[in-house]
Amino acid sequence: MKTTLDLPDELVREAKLRALMQGRTLRDLVTQLLRQGLGLEAPKLASTLPPESMLGVGSNGLPVIHCRAGSAAEGLPVQDLLQLEQQTQTQEDLRRAGLSV
């Protein structure tokens, strides 16, 4: 069943980040968290990332996405990377809403 929820931005960002770090879809992660929160499923420990993953966790606990050598993103400043991420998320949201991109 499809439904729409109005959630705080920081909660959605954290859920998207966790889904990405676990290699799962946002839908699967939220489904599991709801089941756990409602007591329908026991909490599970997050799985570790496979060694070949381009995702990691830095010493400060923040996620790190490793670029392949020579990739276009390798030389971009952080501000440009954040802007690119925001544009990509906006396009994805518009597509899912059935609006033209």
C-alpha atoms as a PDB file:
ATOM      1  CA  MET A   1       0.000   0.000   0.000  1.00  0.00           C
ATOM      2  CA  LYS A   2       1.270   3.447  -0.823  1.00  0.00           C
ATOM      3  CA  THR A   3       0.990   6.244   1.687  1.00  0.00           C
ATOM      4  CA  THR A   4       2.420   9.711   2.170  1.00  0.00           C
ATOM      5  CA  LEU A   5       4.011  10.807   5.422  1.00  0.00           C
ATOM      6  CA  ASP A   6       5.210  14.275   6.377  1.00  0.00           C
ATOM      7  CA  LEU A   7       8.470  13.564   8.222  1.00  0.00           C
ATOM      8  CA  PRO A   8      11.208  15.884   9.495  1.00  0.00           C
ATOM      9  CA  ASP A   9      13.982  16.411   6.933  1.00  0.00           C
ATOM     10  CA  GLU A  10      16.719  15.218   9.288  1.00  0.00           C
ATOM     11  CA  LEU A  11      14.856  11.948   9.895  1.00  0.00           C
ATOM     12  CA  VAL A  12      14.487  11.277   6.173  1.00  0.00           C
ATOM     13  CA  ARG A  13      18.166  12.112   5.558  1.00  0.00           C
ATOM     14  CA  GLU A  14      19.229   9.697   8.305  1.00  0.00           C
ATOM     15  CA  ALA A  15      16.993   6.940   6.929  1.00  0.00           C
ATOM     16  CA  LYS A  16      18.318   7.457   3.384  1.00  0.00           C
ATOM     17  CA  LEU A  17      21.877   7.420   4.680  1.00  0.00           C
ATOM     18  CA  ARG A  18      21.361   4.215   6.649  1.00  0.00           C
ATOM     19  CA  ALA A  19      19.717   2.543   3.677  1.00  0.00           C
ATOM     20  CA  LEU A  20      22.633   3.559   1.477  1.00  0.00           C
ATOM     21  CA  MET A  21      25.207   2.379   4.014  1.00  0.00           C
ATOM     22  CA  GLN A  22      23.431  -0.979   4.304  1.00  0.00           C
ATOM     23  CA  GLY A  23      22.985  -1.393   0.561  1.00  0.00           C
ATOM     24  CA  ARG A  24      19.199  -1.486   0.929  1.00  0.00           C
ATOM     25  CA  THR A  25      16.289   0.446  -0.436  1.00  0.00           C
ATOM     26  CA  LEU A  26      14.698   3.125   1.706  1.00  0.00           C
ATOM     27  CA  ARG A  27      11.421   1.184   1.518  1.00  0.00           C
ATOM     28  CA  ASP A  28      13.014  -1.985   2.940  1.00  0.00           C
ATOM     29  CA  LEU A  29      14.754  -0.105   5.734  1.00  0.00           C
ATOM     30  CA  VAL A  30      11.638   1.817   6.790  1.00  0.00           C
ATOM     31  CA  THR A  31       9.552  -1.372   6.638  1.00  0.00           C
ATOM     32  CA  GLN A  32      11.981  -3.137   8.963  1.00  0.00           C
ATOM     33  CA  LEU A  33      12.159  -0.178  11.355  1.00  0.00           C
ATOM     34  CA  LEU A  34       8.363   0.052  11.527  1.00  0.00           C
ATOM     35  CA  ARG A  35       8.076  -3.672  12.223  1.00  0.00           C
ATOM     36  CA  GLN A  36      10.667  -3.383  14.979  1.00  0.00           C
ATOM     37  CA  GLY A  37       9.007  -0.291  16.445  1.00  0.00           C
ATOM     38  CA  LEU A  38       5.620  -2.007  16.511  1.00  0.00           C
ATOM     39  CA  GLY A  39       7.136  -5.077  18.172  1.00  0.00           C
ATOM     40  CA  LEU A  40       6.442  -7.311  15.168  1.00  0.00           C
ATOM     41  CA  GLU A  41      10.126  -8.069  14.626  1.00  0.00           C
ATOM     42  CA  ALA A  42      13.174  -8.229  16.874  1.00  0.00           C
ATOM     43  CA  PRO A  43      15.821  -5.538  16.243  1.00  0.00           C
ATOM     44  CA  LYS A  44      18.664  -6.652  13.992  1.00  0.00           C
ATOM     45  CA  LEU A  45      22.244  -5.485  13.977  1.00  0.00           C
ATOM     46  CA  ALA A  46      23.316  -3.622  10.854  1.00  0.00           C
ATOM     47  CA  SER A  47      25.358  -5.751   8.513  1.00  0.00           C
ATOM     48  CA  THR A  48      28.897  -4.766   7.694  1.00  0.00           C
ATOM     49  CA  LEU A  49      29.761  -3.508   4.238  1.00  0.00           C
ATOM     50  CA  PRO A  50      31.427  -5.886   1.778  1.00  0.00           C
ATOM     51  CA  PRO A  51      35.155  -5.200   1.279  1.00  0.00           C
ATOM     52  CA  GLU A  52      34.648  -4.104  -2.350  1.00  0.00           C
ATOM     53  CA  SER A  53      32.077  -1.467  -1.340  1.00  0.00           C
ATOM     54  CA  MET A  54      32.815   2.139  -2.236  1.00  0.00           C
ATOM     55  CA  LEU A  55      31.074   3.180   0.976  1.00  0.00           C
ATOM     56  CA  GLY A  56      32.774   3.446   4.320  1.00  0.00           C
ATOM     57  CA  VAL A  57      32.667   5.140   7.676  1.00  0.00           C
ATOM     58  CA  GLY A  58      35.292   7.719   8.556  1.00  0.00           C
ATOM     59  CA  SER A  59      37.048   8.010  11.914  1.00  0.00           C
ATOM     60  CA  ASN A  60      34.495  10.683  12.890  1.00  0.00           C
ATOM     61  CA  GLY A  61      31.582   8.287  12.251  1.00  0.00           C
ATOM     62  CA  LEU A  62      30.429  10.052   9.085  1.00  0.00           C
ATOM     63  CA  PRO A  63      29.904   8.151   5.846  1.00  0.00           C
ATOM     64  CA  VAL A  64      32.610   8.237   3.214  1.00  0.00           C
ATOM     65  CA  ILE A  65      32.070   7.455  -0.465  1.00  0.00           C
ATOM     66  CA  HIS A  66      35.321   6.515  -2.152  1.00  0.00           C
ATOM     67  CA  CYS A  67      35.770   7.639  -5.768  1.00  0.00           C
ATOM     68  CA  ARG A  68      37.515   5.602  -8.405  1.00  0.00           C
ATOM     69  CA  ALA A  69      40.853   7.098  -9.428  1.00  0.00           C
ATOM     70  CA  GLY A  70      40.353   9.618 -12.214  1.00  0.00           C
ATOM     71  CA  SER A  71      36.590   9.975 -11.682  1.00  0.00           C
ATOM     72  CA  ALA A  72      34.950  13.340 -12.332  1.00  0.00           C
ATOM     73  CA  ALA A  73      33.947  13.666  -8.668  1.00  0.00           C
ATOM     74  CA  GLU A  74      37.508  13.238  -7.452  1.00  0.00           C
ATOM     75  CA  GLY A  75      38.444  16.876  -8.047  1.00  0.00           C
ATOM     76  CA  LEU A  76      35.143  18.552  -7.161  1.00  0.00           C
ATOM     77  CA  PRO A  77      34.897  20.761  -4.077  1.00  0.00           C
ATOM     78  CA  VAL A  78      32.538  19.601  -1.328  1.00  0.00           C
ATOM     79  CA  GLN A  79      30.035  22.391  -2.090  1.00  0.00           C
ATOM     80  CA  ASP A  80      29.740  21.221  -5.723  1.00  0.00           C
ATOM     81  CA  LEU A  81      29.276  17.608  -4.603  1.00  0.00           C
ATOM     82  CA  LEU A  82      26.520  18.636  -2.190  1.00  0.00           C
ATOM     83  CA  GLN A  83      24.783  20.666  -4.913  1.00  0.00           C
ATOM     84  CA  LEU A  84      24.989  17.697  -7.295  1.00  0.00           C
ATOM     85  CA  GLU A  85      23.526  15.420  -4.620  1.00  0.00           C
ATOM     86  CA  GLN A  86      20.639  17.841  -4.013  1.00  0.00           C
ATOM     87  CA  GLN A  87      19.889  18.098  -7.739  1.00  0.00           C
ATOM     88  CA  THR A  88      19.911  14.309  -8.069  1.00  0.00           C
ATOM     89  CA  GLN A  89      17.569  13.875  -5.095  1.00  0.00           C
ATOM     90  CA  THR A  90      15.197  16.524  -6.445  1.00  0.00           C
ATOM     91  CA  GLN A  91      15.095  14.812  -9.854  1.00  0.00           C
ATOM     92  CA  GLU A  92      14.457  11.452  -8.195  1.00  0.00           C
ATOM     93  CA  ASP A  93      11.639  12.915  -6.075  1.00  0.00           C
ATOM     94  CA  LEU A  94      10.033  14.539  -9.149  1.00  0.00           C
ATOM     95  CA  ARG A  95      10.224  11.280 -11.117  1.00  0.00           C
ATOM     96  CA  ARG A  96       8.630   9.329  -8.284  1.00  0.00           C
ATOM     97  CA  ALA A  97       5.878  11.928  -8.038  1.00  0.00           C
ATOM     98  CA  GLY A  98       5.176  11.490 -11.739  1.00  0.00           C
ATOM     99  CA  LEU A  99       6.297  15.010 -12.634  1.00  0.00           C
ATOM    100  CA  SER A 100       8.549  15.900 -15.540  1.00  0.00           C
ATOM    101  CA  VAL A 101      12.196  16.398 -14.721  1.00  0.00           C
END
